[in-house]
Amino acid sequence: MSVYRVVITETPTDWTPSGLDDLPPQPSEPKTQLGEYPDLFAAVHAAIEHNRQSQGQQNRHWAIVCEVGSTGKTWRGLRICTPLRYKIASIWWPAGWEPLSPFDVPLCVCRTQGTLQEDLLTYEQALATMKALNQQAMDRASTLWYVMIAVENEPISRSISYDPAGLQTTVEIRKIHIAQPAEGGRGDCSHCPARSLDCTTLAGQ
């Protein structure tokens, strides 16, 4: 099971972050930690709140989210997960499920096949795209629904190969997570044919 640690590092004097989960260039070794979390989004929320306060106080202490015990490119034993970037995935509209808002995410999304949009987006861009696509899906009785996928920063593995023709192939594997916007919920599952199953257990996997 993954453990996410929020560590504190010191930012360069001339660095301006593009967001509250941004990563300083060539971050220095962590000086201390805020805490550890089993959930990525809880860790990111804690880091963002710390960084918001740091900006208000104009100090150089910056919080970064890392996975403990995972090989990263920057620090030994820590793989840097922030900043998160987002993609939009299309999934099959679950049978018997009805959304209450375009930001809803069904509990059974983990059992649904979908395709990923290749473009990496900021949280605000992804949220706006999800809203537009799902509002259209609700208005037109679509068979598809759209969810936000959070992509961690550093890959968990990276391999480079070369073929005789002189072509290089780079393969990076990154962890992704289904994001649940604060503006939405889980929708209405009262008409789902599998409503007797404990979908909360499946959603946490």
C-alpha atoms as a PDB file:
ATOM      1  CA  MET A   1       0.000   0.000   0.000  1.00  0.00           C
ATOM      2  CA  SER A   2       1.337   3.414  -0.958  1.00  0.00           C
ATOM      3  CA  VAL A   3       2.311   5.964   1.668  1.00  0.00           C
ATOM      4  CA  TYR A   4       2.499   9.623   0.650  1.00  0.00           C
ATOM      5  CA  ARG A   5       4.737  11.955   2.656  1.00  0.00           C
ATOM      6  CA  VAL A   6       4.525  15.731   2.607  1.00  0.00           C
ATOM      7  CA  VAL A   7       8.054  17.106   2.960  1.00  0.00           C
ATOM      8  CA  ILE A   8       9.288  20.661   3.381  1.00  0.00           C
ATOM      9  CA  THR A   9      12.079  22.087   1.272  1.00  0.00           C
ATOM     10  CA  GLU A  10      13.456  25.578   0.718  1.00  0.00           C
ATOM     11  CA  THR A  11      12.710  27.411  -2.523  1.00  0.00           C
ATOM     12  CA  PRO A  12      15.128  29.582  -4.534  1.00  0.00           C
ATOM     13  CA  THR A  13      14.805  33.310  -3.808  1.00  0.00           C
ATOM     14  CA  ASP A  14      13.929  34.167  -7.429  1.00  0.00           C
ATOM     15  CA  TRP A  15      11.386  31.359  -8.003  1.00  0.00           C
ATOM     16  CA  THR A  16       7.706  32.086  -8.640  1.00  0.00           C
ATOM     17  CA  PRO A  17       5.444  28.994  -8.533  1.00  0.00           C
ATOM     18  CA  SER A  18       2.821  28.552 -11.236  1.00  0.00           C
ATOM     19  CA  GLY A  19       0.520  26.812  -8.761  1.00  0.00           C
ATOM     20  CA  LEU A  20       0.275  25.809  -5.116  1.00  0.00           C
ATOM     21  CA  ASP A  21       1.485  22.258  -5.854  1.00  0.00           C
ATOM     22  CA  ASP A  22       4.295  23.348  -8.183  1.00  0.00           C
ATOM     23  CA  LEU A  23       7.834  21.953  -7.894  1.00  0.00           C
ATOM     24  CA  PRO A  24      10.865  24.234  -7.463  1.00  0.00           C
ATOM     25  CA  PRO A  25      13.718  23.698  -9.942  1.00  0.00           C
ATOM     26  CA  GLN A  26      16.371  21.371  -8.517  1.00  0.00           C
ATOM     27  CA  PRO A  27      14.687  21.187  -5.102  1.00  0.00           C
ATOM     28  CA  SER A  28      17.007  20.939  -2.106  1.00  0.00           C
ATOM     29  CA  GLU A  29      16.926  17.958   0.232  1.00  0.00           C
ATOM     30  CA  PRO A  30      13.850  17.930   2.508  1.00  0.00           C
ATOM     31  CA  LYS A  31      14.413  19.580   5.888  1.00  0.00           C
ATOM     32  CA  THR A  32      11.362  18.202   7.674  1.00  0.00           C
ATOM     33  CA  GLN A  33       7.950  16.646   7.002  1.00  0.00           C
ATOM     34  CA  LEU A  34       4.337  17.610   7.635  1.00  0.00           C
ATOM     35  CA  GLY A  35       2.976  14.074   7.807  1.00  0.00           C
ATOM     36  CA  GLU A  36       2.207  10.845   5.958  1.00  0.00           C
ATOM     37  CA  TYR A  37      -1.061   9.858   4.287  1.00  0.00           C
ATOM     38  CA  PRO A  38      -2.445   6.694   2.666  1.00  0.00           C
ATOM     39  CA  ASP A  39      -4.345   8.829   0.141  1.00  0.00           C
ATOM     40  CA  LEU A  40      -2.626  10.974  -2.498  1.00  0.00           C
ATOM     41  CA  PHE A  41      -5.290  13.680  -2.601  1.00  0.00           C
ATOM     42  CA  ALA A  42      -5.247  14.122   1.191  1.00  0.00           C
ATOM     43  CA  ALA A  43      -1.478  14.641   0.999  1.00  0.00           C
ATOM     44  CA  VAL A  44      -1.800  17.104  -1.886  1.00  0.00           C
ATOM     45  CA  HIS A  45      -4.476  19.049   0.008  1.00  0.00           C
ATOM     46  CA  ALA A  46      -2.177  19.315   3.067  1.00  0.00           C
ATOM     47  CA  ALA A  47       0.718  20.490   0.871  1.00  0.00           C
ATOM     48  CA  ILE A  48      -1.424  23.088  -0.895  1.00  0.00           C
ATOM     49  CA  GLU A  49      -2.712  24.506   2.396  1.00  0.00           C
ATOM     50  CA  HIS A  50       0.856  24.767   3.725  1.00  0.00           C
ATOM     51  CA  ASN A  51       2.066  26.479   0.558  1.00  0.00           C
ATOM     52  CA  ARG A  52      -0.850  28.908   0.610  1.00  0.00           C
ATOM     53  CA  GLN A  53       0.123  29.964   4.119  1.00  0.00           C
ATOM     54  CA  SER A  54       3.811  30.180   3.155  1.00  0.00           C
ATOM     55  CA  GLN A  55       2.993  32.534   0.299  1.00  0.00           C
ATOM     56  CA  GLY A  56       0.953  34.699   2.647  1.00  0.00           C
ATOM     57  CA  GLN A  57       3.829  34.856   5.103  1.00  0.00           C
ATOM     58  CA  GLN A  58       6.348  35.308   2.279  1.00  0.00           C
ATOM     59  CA  ASN A  59       8.701  32.590   3.527  1.00  0.00           C
ATOM     60  CA  ARG A  60      10.619  30.069   1.421  1.00  0.00           C
ATOM     61  CA  HIS A  61       9.353  26.852   3.005  1.00  0.00           C
ATOM     62  CA  TRP A  62       7.547  24.807   0.350  1.00  0.00           C
ATOM     63  CA  ALA A  63       5.655  21.522   0.683  1.00  0.00           C
ATOM     64  CA  ILE A  64       6.105  18.686  -1.830  1.00  0.00           C
ATOM     65  CA  VAL A  65       4.267  15.353  -1.943  1.00  0.00           C
ATOM     66  CA  CYS A  66       6.370  12.192  -2.356  1.00  0.00           C
ATOM     67  CA  GLU A  67       5.739   8.462  -2.290  1.00  0.00           C
ATOM     68  CA  VAL A  68       7.796   6.769   0.428  1.00  0.00           C
ATOM     69  CA  GLY A  69      10.035   3.855  -0.552  1.00  0.00           C
ATOM     70  CA  SER A  70       9.657   4.416  -4.281  1.00  0.00           C
ATOM     71  CA  THR A  71      12.575   5.133  -6.605  1.00  0.00           C
ATOM     72  CA  GLY A  72      12.593   8.699  -7.881  1.00  0.00           C
ATOM     73  CA  LYS A  73      14.855  10.820 -10.053  1.00  0.00           C
ATOM     74  CA  THR A  74      15.583  13.502  -7.446  1.00  0.00           C
ATOM     75  CA  TRP A  75      15.742  12.095  -3.894  1.00  0.00           C
ATOM     76  CA  ARG A  76      16.762   8.702  -2.550  1.00  0.00           C
ATOM     77  CA  GLY A  77      13.823   6.646  -1.320  1.00  0.00           C
ATOM     78  CA  LEU A  78      11.280   9.302  -2.301  1.00  0.00           C
ATOM     79  CA  ARG A  79       9.471   9.697  -5.615  1.00  0.00           C
ATOM     80  CA  ILE A  80       8.113  13.196  -6.186  1.00  0.00           C
ATOM     81  CA  CYS A  81       4.408  13.155  -7.055  1.00  0.00           C
ATOM     82  CA  THR A  82       3.605  16.856  -7.370  1.00  0.00           C
ATOM     83  CA  PRO A  83       2.750  18.841  -9.336  1.00  0.00           C
ATOM     84  CA  LEU A  84      -0.183  16.737 -10.488  1.00  0.00           C
ATOM     85  CA  ARG A  85      -1.334  17.046 -14.075  1.00  0.00           C
ATOM     86  CA  TYR A  86      -4.667  15.846 -15.396  1.00  0.00           C
ATOM     87  CA  LYS A  87      -6.190  14.003 -18.323  1.00  0.00           C
ATOM     88  CA  ILE A  88      -9.791  13.395 -19.299  1.00  0.00           C
ATOM     89  CA  ALA A  89     -10.976   9.793 -19.676  1.00  0.00           C
ATOM     90  CA  SER A  90     -14.196   8.691 -21.355  1.00  0.00           C
ATOM     91  CA  ILE A  91     -15.986   5.787 -19.690  1.00  0.00           C
ATOM     92  CA  TRP A  92     -19.135   3.856 -20.478  1.00  0.00           C
ATOM     93  CA  TRP A  93     -22.149   5.375 -18.718  1.00  0.00           C
ATOM     94  CA  PRO A  94     -22.937   2.826 -15.961  1.00  0.00           C
ATOM     95  CA  ALA A  95     -26.295   1.060 -16.323  1.00  0.00           C
ATOM     96  CA  GLY A  96     -28.920   2.485 -13.947  1.00  0.00           C
ATOM     97  CA  TRP A  97     -26.684   5.352 -12.804  1.00  0.00           C
ATOM     98  CA  GLU A  98     -27.813   8.970 -13.033  1.00  0.00           C
ATOM     99  CA  PRO A  99     -25.584  11.996 -12.412  1.00  0.00           C
ATOM    100  CA  LEU A 100     -26.790  14.887 -10.288  1.00  0.00           C
ATOM    101  CA  SER A 101     -24.158  17.264 -11.683  1.00  0.00           C
ATOM    102  CA  PRO A 102     -21.549  17.232 -14.466  1.00  0.00           C
ATOM    103  CA  PHE A 103     -18.851  16.833 -11.776  1.00  0.00           C
ATOM    104  CA  ASP A 104     -20.165  13.497 -10.445  1.00  0.00           C
ATOM    105  CA  VAL A 105     -17.953  10.398 -10.529  1.00  0.00           C
ATOM    106  CA  PRO A 106     -19.668   6.981 -10.317  1.00  0.00           C
ATOM    107  CA  LEU A 107     -18.358   4.534  -7.736  1.00  0.00           C
ATOM    108  CA  CYS A 108     -18.078   1.774 -10.352  1.00  0.00           C
ATOM    109  CA  VAL A 109     -15.718   3.732 -12.615  1.00  0.00           C
ATOM    110  CA  CYS A 110     -12.893   1.345 -11.636  1.00  0.00           C
ATOM    111  CA  ARG A 111     -14.702  -1.446 -13.491  1.00  0.00           C
ATOM    112  CA  THR A 112     -15.276   0.560 -16.650  1.00  0.00           C
ATOM    113  CA  GLN A 113     -13.105   0.673 -19.746  1.00  0.00           C
ATOM    114  CA  GLY A 114     -12.239   4.064 -21.169  1.00  0.00           C
ATOM    115  CA  THR A 115      -9.790   6.011 -23.300  1.00  0.00           C
ATOM    116  CA  LEU A 116      -7.395   8.715 -22.112  1.00  0.00           C
ATOM    117  CA  GLN A 117      -7.020  12.094 -23.715  1.00  0.00           C
ATOM    118  CA  GLU A 118      -3.307  12.619 -24.386  1.00  0.00           C
ATOM    119  CA  ASP A 119      -3.095  16.312 -23.473  1.00  0.00           C
ATOM    120  CA  LEU A 120      -1.898  17.104 -19.951  1.00  0.00           C
ATOM    121  CA  LEU A 121      -4.040  19.767 -18.286  1.00  0.00           C
ATOM    122  CA  THR A 122      -3.997  21.861 -15.138  1.00  0.00           C
ATOM    123  CA  TYR A 123      -6.691  21.146 -12.551  1.00  0.00           C
ATOM    124  CA  GLU A 124      -8.715  24.178 -13.653  1.00  0.00           C
ATOM    125  CA  GLN A 125      -8.497  23.204 -17.328  1.00  0.00           C
ATOM    126  CA  ALA A 126      -9.473  19.608 -16.604  1.00  0.00           C
ATOM    127  CA  LEU A 127     -12.392  20.691 -14.419  1.00  0.00           C
ATOM    128  CA  ALA A 128     -13.743  22.994 -17.126  1.00  0.00           C
ATOM    129  CA  THR A 129     -13.354  20.268 -19.779  1.00  0.00           C
ATOM    130  CA  MET A 130     -15.111  17.695 -17.593  1.00  0.00           C
ATOM    131  CA  LYS A 131     -17.987  20.087 -16.946  1.00  0.00           C
ATOM    132  CA  ALA A 132     -18.458  20.905 -20.634  1.00  0.00           C
ATOM    133  CA  LEU A 133     -18.293  17.294 -21.845  1.00  0.00           C
ATOM    134  CA  ASN A 134     -20.560  15.902 -19.130  1.00  0.00           C
ATOM    135  CA  GLN A 135     -23.125  18.681 -19.482  1.00  0.00           C
ATOM    136  CA  GLN A 136     -23.310  17.809 -23.158  1.00  0.00           C
ATOM    137  CA  ALA A 137     -23.593  14.106 -22.259  1.00  0.00           C
ATOM    138  CA  MET A 138     -26.493  14.862 -19.882  1.00  0.00           C
ATOM    139  CA  ASP A 139     -28.301  17.026 -22.434  1.00  0.00           C
ATOM    140  CA  ARG A 140     -27.966  14.502 -25.266  1.00  0.00           C
ATOM    141  CA  ALA A 141     -28.432  11.211 -23.380  1.00  0.00           C
ATOM    142  CA  SER A 142     -24.934  10.009 -24.268  1.00  0.00           C
ATOM    143  CA  THR A 143     -23.598   6.519 -23.640  1.00  0.00           C
ATOM    144  CA  LEU A 144     -20.309   8.019 -22.390  1.00  0.00           C
ATOM    145  CA  TRP A 145     -19.314   9.885 -19.238  1.00  0.00           C
ATOM    146  CA  TYR A 146     -16.065  11.744 -18.546  1.00  0.00           C
ATOM    147  CA  VAL A 147     -13.807  11.710 -15.487  1.00  0.00           C
ATOM    148  CA  MET A 148     -10.600  13.473 -14.473  1.00  0.00           C
ATOM    149  CA  ILE A 149      -7.449  11.381 -14.155  1.00  0.00           C
ATOM    150  CA  ALA A 150      -4.633  12.770 -11.987  1.00  0.00           C
ATOM    151  CA  VAL A 151      -1.130  11.886 -13.216  1.00  0.00           C
ATOM    152  CA  GLU A 152       1.774  11.866 -10.757  1.00  0.00           C
ATOM    153  CA  ASN A 153       4.949  13.788 -11.615  1.00  0.00           C
ATOM    154  CA  GLU A 154       7.914  11.396 -11.530  1.00  0.00           C
ATOM    155  CA  PRO A 155       7.426   8.001 -13.226  1.00  0.00           C
ATOM    156  CA  ILE A 156       7.654   4.767 -11.265  1.00  0.00           C
ATOM    157  CA  SER A 157       9.819   3.340 -14.053  1.00  0.00           C
ATOM    158  CA  ARG A 158      11.536   4.543 -17.219  1.00  0.00           C
ATOM    159  CA  SER A 159      13.223   2.504 -19.935  1.00  0.00           C
ATOM    160  CA  ILE A 160      15.034   3.516 -23.132  1.00  0.00           C
ATOM    161  CA  SER A 161      15.720   1.179 -26.040  1.00  0.00           C
ATOM    162  CA  TYR A 162      17.338   1.566 -29.446  1.00  0.00           C
ATOM    163  CA  ASP A 163      16.672  -0.441 -32.585  1.00  0.00           C
ATOM    164  CA  PRO A 164      19.087  -1.149 -35.515  1.00  0.00           C
ATOM    165  CA  ALA A 165      17.472   1.607 -37.567  1.00  0.00           C
ATOM    166  CA  GLY A 166      18.707   4.159 -35.050  1.00  0.00           C
ATOM    167  CA  LEU A 167      15.330   4.884 -33.491  1.00  0.00           C
ATOM    168  CA  GLN A 168      15.033   5.519 -29.768  1.00  0.00           C
ATOM    169  CA  THR A 169      11.992   4.387 -27.775  1.00  0.00           C
ATOM    170  CA  THR A 170      11.336   5.755 -24.291  1.00  0.00           C
ATOM    171  CA  VAL A 171       8.690   4.147 -22.085  1.00  0.00           C
ATOM    172  CA  GLU A 172       7.612   5.798 -18.844  1.00  0.00           C
ATOM    173  CA  ILE A 173       5.114   4.309 -16.421  1.00  0.00           C
ATOM    174  CA  ARG A 174       3.298   6.725 -14.114  1.00  0.00           C
ATOM    175  CA  LYS A 175       0.689   6.229 -11.433  1.00  0.00           C
ATOM    176  CA  ILE A 176      -2.736   7.673 -12.175  1.00  0.00           C
ATOM    177  CA  HIS A 177      -5.713   8.316  -9.900  1.00  0.00           C
ATOM    178  CA  ILE A 178      -9.388   9.070 -10.519  1.00  0.00           C
ATOM    179  CA  ALA A 179     -10.033  12.560  -9.174  1.00  0.00           C
ATOM    180  CA  GLN A 180     -13.267  13.439  -7.372  1.00  0.00           C
ATOM    181  CA  PRO A 181     -13.977  17.169  -7.793  1.00  0.00           C
ATOM    182  CA  ALA A 182     -15.207  18.901  -4.644  1.00  0.00           C
ATOM    183  CA  GLU A 183     -18.061  20.358  -6.711  1.00  0.00           C
ATOM    184  CA  GLY A 184     -19.529  16.904  -7.429  1.00  0.00           C
ATOM    185  CA  GLY A 185     -20.610  13.712  -5.739  1.00  0.00           C
ATOM    186  CA  ARG A 186     -21.230  10.082  -6.656  1.00  0.00           C
ATOM    187  CA  GLY A 187     -24.549  10.500  -8.487  1.00  0.00           C
ATOM    188  CA  ASP A 188     -27.683   8.399  -8.026  1.00  0.00           C
ATOM    189  CA  CYS A 189     -27.153   4.614  -7.999  1.00  0.00           C
ATOM    190  CA  SER A 190     -30.687   3.689  -6.821  1.00  0.00           C
ATOM    191  CA  HIS A 191     -31.589   2.125 -10.182  1.00  0.00           C
ATOM    192  CA  CYS A 192     -28.304   0.257 -10.696  1.00  0.00           C
ATOM    193  CA  PRO A 193     -28.891  -3.478 -11.334  1.00  0.00           C
ATOM    194  CA  ALA A 194     -25.863  -4.242  -9.119  1.00  0.00           C
ATOM    195  CA  ARG A 195     -26.833  -1.870  -6.282  1.00  0.00           C
ATOM    196  CA  SER A 196     -26.658  -4.719  -3.739  1.00  0.00           C
ATOM    197  CA  LEU A 197     -22.856  -4.859  -4.210  1.00  0.00           C
ATOM    198  CA  ASP A 198     -20.564  -2.843  -1.966  1.00  0.00           C
ATOM    199  CA  CYS A 199     -19.190  -0.454  -4.571  1.00  0.00           C
ATOM    200  CA  THR A 200     -17.412   1.653  -1.923  1.00  0.00           C
ATOM    201  CA  THR A 201     -14.944  -1.201  -1.497  1.00  0.00           C
ATOM    202  CA  LEU A 202     -14.311  -1.379  -5.239  1.00  0.00           C
ATOM    203  CA  ALA A 203     -13.903   2.375  -5.535  1.00  0.00           C
ATOM    204  CA  GLY A 204     -11.158   2.385  -2.920  1.00  0.00           C
ATOM    205  CA  GLN A 205      -9.004  -0.082  -4.840  1.00  0.00           C
END
